[in-house]
């Protein structure tokens, strides 16, 4: 995984939005104290203790601290992972029982296989805990290209049930009841096509791109979609892309002269061209783009809300 080396030229939103306040959104209420989702239980703390979880964004990947069996670990926020996962070593040290049952997890380029835990549990302070049939996988290969330890992944089995309030300015996230959160500042609402795709256009051709918080680039276009678009842009560069299983492949990055997401017009937009699973649609957008916004990803309510972190200008900006 990697972060793109420069940010896009965004021209159209500067006149629509001002600078958001640090606390850019607030839920009408905290989530219910307990929620069942298949074979896991999500238990929230009391309302007097409920708060936001701090994050660190490292090379475009969202890390936060969690607790497993009284031990602090770093987890990754990733709605692109279908289930919540603990690293094999973390689960073993906690004494959790691994079953013979396996499950395949789809990644952008393929699948990885994990084992089910009957009694897994993880706490994400100061918000909630998740217990039940979590899954375990050897995440050591991911550590190599993420550049820091990773003890688990908080996946869509949790994130798709709630509104995820991601305060990029404040470096924190909160889960809130779906459909009950609105930013305090001006914002754009993007309808989601199930499960979490937004509509885009390139050269007047329509695309559906998955919103993937676990992807640290700005965008990736599926290779077959790129051929369908019929563009002849020469690659800006070619780089190695690593999978969760340690596999790697070379992917070209091109610059798309103009792409639109509803009223958001993006020019000189870098995008990877890559093979990927059918479920992702025509491609993905990731934190390389989303980190320019405070946002609410409400998969259950079918919407993504974006508020720029600062007034957007018509000049290309270099990434920090």
Protein backbone atom coordinates (compact mmCIF):
# COMPACT_ATOMS: atom_id res chain seq x y z
CA UNK A 1 0.00 0.00 0.00
CA UNK A 2 1.19 3.55 -0.57
CA UNK A 3 0.10 7.13 -0.55
CA UNK A 4 -0.02 9.06 -3.80
CA UNK A 5 2.66 11.72 -4.15
CA UNK A 6 0.48 14.67 -5.10
CA UNK A 7 -3.07 15.87 -4.61
CA UNK A 8 -5.64 16.65 -7.31
CA UNK A 9 -6.59 19.98 -8.81
CA UNK A 10 -10.09 20.66 -7.48
CA UNK A 11 -11.84 23.69 -8.88
CA UNK A 12 -15.56 23.66 -8.32
CA UNK A 13 -16.20 23.53 -4.57
CA UNK A 14 -14.38 26.60 -3.34
CA UNK A 15 -17.38 28.85 -3.90
CA UNK A 16 -19.77 26.37 -2.28
CA UNK A 17 -18.18 25.78 1.10
CA UNK A 18 -16.29 27.59 3.81
CA UNK A 19 -13.87 26.32 6.40
CA UNK A 20 -15.52 23.81 8.74
CA UNK A 21 -15.31 23.99 12.50
CA UNK A 22 -13.11 21.40 14.20
CA UNK A 23 -16.15 19.58 15.61
CA UNK A 24 -17.76 19.51 12.21
CA UNK A 25 -20.62 17.10 12.98
CA UNK A 26 -22.58 15.78 15.89
CA UNK A 27 -24.98 12.86 16.24
CA UNK A 28 -28.48 13.37 17.55
CA UNK A 29 -27.79 10.56 20.03
CA UNK A 30 -25.27 7.88 20.90
CA UNK A 31 -25.85 4.40 19.44
CA UNK A 32 -27.92 1.89 21.37
CA UNK A 33 -25.92 0.16 24.06
CA UNK A 34 -25.91 -3.19 22.23
CA UNK A 35 -26.32 -4.25 18.62
CA UNK A 36 -26.35 -7.73 17.12
CA UNK A 37 -24.87 -8.29 13.67
CA UNK A 38 -25.03 -11.94 12.70
CA UNK A 39 -22.56 -13.68 14.99
CA UNK A 40 -21.02 -10.64 16.66
CA UNK A 41 -22.26 -8.29 19.37
CA UNK A 42 -21.31 -4.61 19.39
CA UNK A 43 -21.54 -3.15 22.90
CA UNK A 44 -21.31 0.62 23.38
CA UNK A 45 -20.19 2.32 26.58
CA UNK A 46 -22.52 4.49 28.63
CA UNK A 47 -23.42 7.90 27.21
CA UNK A 48 -21.41 9.67 29.92
CA UNK A 49 -18.26 7.81 28.76
CA UNK A 50 -18.93 7.79 25.02
CA UNK A 51 -16.46 9.81 22.95
CA UNK A 52 -14.30 9.91 19.84
CA UNK A 53 -11.42 7.51 19.17
CA UNK A 54 -8.09 9.17 18.23
CA UNK A 55 -6.44 8.06 14.98
CA UNK A 56 -3.05 8.34 13.32
CA UNK A 57 -2.92 8.48 9.54
CA UNK A 58 0.30 6.84 8.43
CA UNK A 59 1.04 6.84 4.70
CA UNK A 60 -2.67 7.17 4.01
CA UNK A 61 -3.70 4.28 6.28
CA UNK A 62 -5.93 4.95 9.32
CA UNK A 63 -4.54 3.48 12.56
CA UNK A 64 -6.11 3.59 16.01
CA UNK A 65 -5.47 1.93 19.36
CA UNK A 66 -7.62 -0.94 20.58
CA UNK A 67 -7.44 -3.39 23.47
CA UNK A 68 -7.40 -7.20 23.26
CA UNK A 69 -7.18 -9.17 26.52
CA UNK A 70 -5.80 -6.11 28.37
CA UNK A 71 -3.14 -5.57 25.72
CA UNK A 72 -2.94 -2.47 23.54
CA UNK A 73 -2.75 -3.08 19.79
CA UNK A 74 -2.90 -0.96 16.65
CA UNK A 75 -5.84 -1.60 14.36
CA UNK A 76 -6.68 -0.32 10.87
CA UNK A 77 -10.02 1.17 9.84
CA UNK A 78 -11.16 -0.53 6.62
CA UNK A 79 -14.74 -0.81 5.37
CA UNK A 80 -13.32 -2.73 2.41
CA UNK A 81 -12.68 -5.69 4.73
CA UNK A 82 -15.91 -7.66 5.03
CA UNK A 83 -15.20 -8.80 8.61
CA UNK A 84 -13.30 -7.64 11.66
CA UNK A 85 -9.95 -9.43 11.85
CA UNK A 86 -7.36 -10.02 14.55
CA UNK A 87 -3.78 -10.93 13.80
CA UNK A 88 -3.01 -14.61 14.45
CA UNK A 89 -0.34 -13.80 17.03
CA UNK A 90 -2.64 -11.38 18.88
CA UNK A 91 -5.49 -13.92 18.98
CA UNK A 92 -3.17 -16.69 20.16
CA UNK A 93 -1.68 -14.57 22.93
CA UNK A 94 -5.19 -13.65 24.07
CA UNK A 95 -6.09 -17.35 24.31
CA UNK A 96 -8.89 -17.19 21.74
CA UNK A 97 -9.92 -20.48 20.15
CA UNK A 98 -9.38 -20.78 16.41
CA UNK A 99 -11.92 -23.06 14.71
CA UNK A 100 -11.50 -25.15 11.59
CA UNK A 101 -13.99 -22.91 9.83
CA UNK A 102 -12.38 -20.66 7.22
CA UNK A 103 -13.51 -17.63 5.29
CA UNK A 104 -12.12 -15.96 2.18
CA UNK A 105 -11.62 -12.20 2.38
CA UNK A 106 -11.64 -10.32 -0.87
CA UNK A 107 -8.93 -7.75 -1.49
CA UNK A 108 -8.48 -5.46 -4.47
CA UNK A 109 -6.40 -8.04 -6.32
CA UNK A 110 -7.57 -11.35 -4.92
CA UNK A 111 -8.48 -13.22 -1.75
CA UNK A 112 -6.91 -14.20 1.55
CA UNK A 113 -8.12 -16.99 3.81
CA UNK A 114 -8.66 -16.61 7.54
CA UNK A 115 -9.98 -18.76 10.39
CA UNK A 116 -12.99 -18.04 12.55
CA UNK A 117 -12.70 -17.30 16.25
CA UNK A 118 -15.58 -18.52 18.43
CA UNK A 119 -14.85 -16.17 21.30
CA UNK A 120 -12.90 -13.23 19.89
CA UNK A 121 -13.24 -9.80 21.47
CA UNK A 122 -11.74 -6.36 20.97
CA UNK A 123 -12.42 -3.03 22.67
CA UNK A 124 -12.18 0.32 20.87
CA UNK A 125 -12.04 2.98 23.60
CA UNK A 126 -13.86 5.17 24.44
CA UNK A 127 -16.70 3.88 22.30
CA UNK A 128 -17.51 0.19 22.01
CA UNK A 129 -16.41 -3.42 22.07
CA UNK A 130 -16.94 -6.18 19.50
CA UNK A 131 -17.27 -9.81 20.57
CA UNK A 132 -18.17 -13.12 18.97
CA UNK A 133 -17.16 -14.69 15.68
CA UNK A 134 -14.25 -12.53 14.64
CA UNK A 135 -11.69 -13.85 12.19
CA UNK A 136 -7.95 -14.24 12.41
CA UNK A 137 -5.27 -13.96 9.74
CA UNK A 138 -1.50 -13.59 9.65
CA UNK A 139 -1.10 -9.84 9.21
CA UNK A 140 2.71 -9.84 9.37
CA UNK A 141 3.01 -9.36 5.60
CA UNK A 142 0.87 -6.23 5.86
CA UNK A 143 3.21 -4.85 8.53
CA UNK A 144 6.10 -4.96 6.07
CA UNK A 145 4.57 -2.52 3.61
CA UNK A 146 2.51 -0.49 6.09
CA UNK A 147 5.69 0.24 8.02
CA UNK A 148 4.28 -0.28 11.51
CA UNK A 149 2.69 -3.04 13.62
CA UNK A 150 -0.90 -4.02 12.92
CA UNK A 151 -2.87 -6.17 15.32
CA UNK A 152 -6.25 -6.12 13.62
CA UNK A 153 -8.69 -4.60 11.13
CA UNK A 154 -12.08 -3.10 11.98
CA UNK A 155 -14.23 -4.16 9.03
CA UNK A 156 -17.59 -3.68 7.38
CA UNK A 157 -19.41 -6.04 9.74
CA UNK A 158 -19.20 -3.13 12.21
CA UNK A 159 -18.72 -0.05 10.04
CA UNK A 160 -21.63 -0.72 7.69
CA UNK A 161 -24.15 -0.65 10.55
CA UNK A 162 -23.46 2.90 11.70
CA UNK A 163 -22.62 6.38 10.50
CA UNK A 164 -18.86 6.79 10.62
CA UNK A 165 -17.99 10.40 11.52
CA UNK A 166 -14.39 10.94 10.45
CA UNK A 167 -12.91 14.21 11.72
CA UNK A 168 -9.72 14.51 9.70
CA UNK A 169 -8.90 17.89 11.27
CA UNK A 170 -9.24 16.48 14.77
CA UNK A 171 -7.68 13.09 13.86
CA UNK A 172 -10.53 11.06 15.36
CA UNK A 173 -13.57 9.00 14.47
CA UNK A 174 -16.93 8.25 16.05
CA UNK A 175 -19.67 5.75 15.27
CA UNK A 176 -23.20 7.15 15.50
CA UNK A 177 -26.71 5.90 14.72
CA UNK A 178 -27.25 5.62 10.98
CA UNK A 179 -29.25 8.45 9.42
CA UNK A 180 -29.01 10.71 12.47
CA UNK A 181 -25.89 12.77 11.77
CA UNK A 182 -25.51 15.99 9.76
CA UNK A 183 -22.42 18.20 9.47
CA UNK A 184 -22.72 21.63 11.03
CA UNK A 185 -21.05 23.23 8.01
CA UNK A 186 -21.98 23.26 4.32
CA UNK A 187 -21.47 19.88 2.72
CA UNK A 188 -22.15 17.77 -0.34
CA UNK A 189 -24.17 14.56 -0.10
CA UNK A 190 -23.23 11.71 -2.42
CA UNK A 191 -25.78 8.89 -2.73
CA UNK A 192 -24.22 5.45 -2.37
CA UNK A 193 -24.98 2.52 -4.62
CA UNK A 194 -24.91 -0.63 -2.48
CA UNK A 195 -22.84 -1.34 -0.69
CA UNK A 196 -20.64 1.78 -0.85
CA UNK A 197 -20.17 3.02 -4.42
CA UNK A 198 -20.44 6.56 -5.74
CA UNK A 199 -21.12 7.64 -9.30
CA UNK A 200 -18.35 9.30 -11.29
CA UNK A 201 -17.78 10.39 -14.88
CA UNK A 202 -14.70 10.35 -17.09
CA UNK A 203 -14.98 11.54 -20.70
CA UNK A 204 -18.78 11.59 -20.31
CA UNK A 205 -18.74 7.89 -19.44
CA UNK A 206 -20.27 6.72 -16.17
CA UNK A 207 -18.34 4.79 -13.52
CA UNK A 208 -19.19 3.35 -10.12
CA UNK A 209 -16.30 3.61 -7.67
CA UNK A 210 -16.23 1.94 -4.25
CA UNK A 211 -15.42 4.10 -1.23
CA UNK A 212 -12.61 2.15 0.45
CA UNK A 213 -11.05 3.58 3.62
CA UNK A 214 -8.41 0.85 3.54
CA UNK A 215 -7.03 2.07 0.19
CA UNK A 216 -4.43 4.77 0.74
CA UNK A 217 -4.25 6.12 -2.80
CA UNK A 218 -6.58 8.67 -4.34
CA UNK A 219 -8.24 6.37 -6.86
CA UNK A 220 -7.74 3.11 -8.69
CA UNK A 221 -9.52 2.29 -11.94
CA UNK A 222 -10.20 -1.30 -12.91
CA UNK A 223 -8.09 -2.31 -15.92
CA UNK A 224 -11.10 -3.48 -17.95
CA UNK A 225 -12.88 -0.18 -17.25
CA UNK A 226 -9.82 1.77 -18.36
CA UNK A 227 -9.83 -0.08 -21.67
CA UNK A 228 -13.54 0.66 -22.03
CA UNK A 229 -12.89 4.38 -21.55
CA UNK A 230 -10.59 4.28 -24.57
CA UNK A 231 -8.15 6.86 -23.19
CA UNK A 232 -4.56 6.80 -24.36
CA UNK A 233 -2.91 8.60 -21.44
CA UNK A 234 0.69 7.53 -20.97
CA UNK A 235 1.55 6.20 -17.48
CA UNK A 236 3.03 8.80 -15.15
CA UNK A 237 4.94 6.06 -13.35
CA UNK A 238 4.84 2.37 -12.49
CA UNK A 239 5.06 1.18 -8.91
CA UNK A 240 4.78 -1.97 -6.84
CA UNK A 241 1.42 -2.65 -5.16
CA UNK A 242 1.46 -5.16 -2.29
CA UNK A 243 -1.36 -7.47 -1.23
CA UNK A 244 -2.28 -8.56 2.29
CA UNK A 245 -0.75 -11.97 1.56
CA UNK A 246 2.60 -10.45 0.63
CA UNK A 247 2.14 -10.77 -3.12
CA UNK A 248 3.12 -7.84 -5.31
CA UNK A 249 2.45 -6.61 -8.80
CA UNK A 250 3.47 -3.63 -10.87
CA UNK A 251 0.67 -1.14 -11.51
CA UNK A 252 0.80 1.95 -13.72
CA UNK A 253 -0.45 5.33 -12.50
CA UNK A 254 -2.00 7.69 -15.04
CA UNK A 255 -3.22 11.27 -14.78
CA UNK A 256 -6.86 11.71 -15.79
CA UNK A 257 -7.41 15.19 -17.17
CA UNK A 258 -10.87 15.54 -15.64
CA UNK A 259 -13.13 13.41 -13.47
CA UNK A 260 -16.40 14.42 -11.84
CA UNK A 261 -18.16 13.13 -8.74
CA UNK A 262 -21.51 14.89 -8.87
CA UNK A 263 -20.72 18.62 -8.43
CA UNK A 264 -17.10 17.87 -7.51
CA UNK A 265 -14.84 18.46 -10.51
CA UNK A 266 -11.32 17.05 -10.24
CA UNK A 267 -8.61 17.80 -12.79
CA UNK A 268 -5.15 16.29 -13.32
CA UNK A 269 -6.27 13.40 -11.18
CA UNK A 270 -3.80 10.55 -10.56
CA UNK A 271 -5.26 7.05 -10.64
CA UNK A 272 -3.83 3.56 -10.58
CA UNK A 273 -4.85 1.11 -13.28
CA UNK A 274 -5.22 -2.29 -11.67
CA UNK A 275 -6.89 -5.67 -11.78
CA UNK A 276 -9.52 -5.96 -9.05
CA UNK A 277 -12.53 -7.92 -7.90
CA UNK A 278 -15.87 -7.50 -9.66
CA UNK A 279 -17.56 -6.40 -6.41
CA UNK A 280 -15.57 -3.17 -6.40
CA UNK A 281 -17.27 -1.98 -9.60
CA UNK A 282 -15.15 0.22 -11.86
CA UNK A 283 -12.60 1.04 -9.19
CA UNK A 284 -12.10 2.61 -5.77
CA UNK A 285 -11.50 5.97 -4.14
CA UNK A 286 -9.42 6.02 -0.99
CA UNK A 287 -7.94 8.12 1.76
CA UNK A 288 -5.54 9.87 -0.62
CA UNK A 289 -8.61 11.84 -1.73
CA UNK A 290 -10.86 11.61 1.34
CA UNK A 291 -8.24 13.00 3.71
CA UNK A 292 -8.85 16.42 2.16
CA UNK A 293 -12.26 16.36 3.81
CA UNK A 294 -14.02 15.82 7.06
CA UNK A 295 -16.61 13.24 6.13
CA UNK A 296 -19.45 11.00 7.21
CA UNK A 297 -19.69 7.57 5.63
CA UNK A 298 -23.16 6.23 6.35
CA UNK A 299 -23.35 2.97 4.41
CA UNK A 300 -26.58 1.83 6.03
CA UNK A 301 -28.32 5.10 5.06
CA UNK A 302 -26.71 5.05 1.61
CA UNK A 303 -24.81 8.33 1.65
CA UNK A 304 -21.37 9.93 1.89
CA UNK A 305 -21.17 13.52 3.16
CA UNK A 306 -18.07 15.62 2.49
CA UNK A 307 -17.01 18.92 4.05
CA UNK A 308 -13.67 20.38 2.87
CA UNK A 309 -11.09 20.91 5.59
CA UNK A 310 -10.18 24.27 4.05
CA UNK A 311 -11.44 26.43 1.19
CA UNK A 312 -10.48 24.69 -2.05
CA UNK A 313 -8.55 26.66 -4.63
CA UNK A 314 -7.95 26.24 -8.34
CA UNK A 315 -4.22 25.66 -7.97
CA UNK A 316 -2.60 22.26 -7.79
CA UNK A 317 -1.24 21.67 -4.29
CA UNK A 318 1.66 19.49 -3.28
CA UNK A 319 1.02 16.88 -0.62
CA UNK A 320 2.61 17.53 2.77
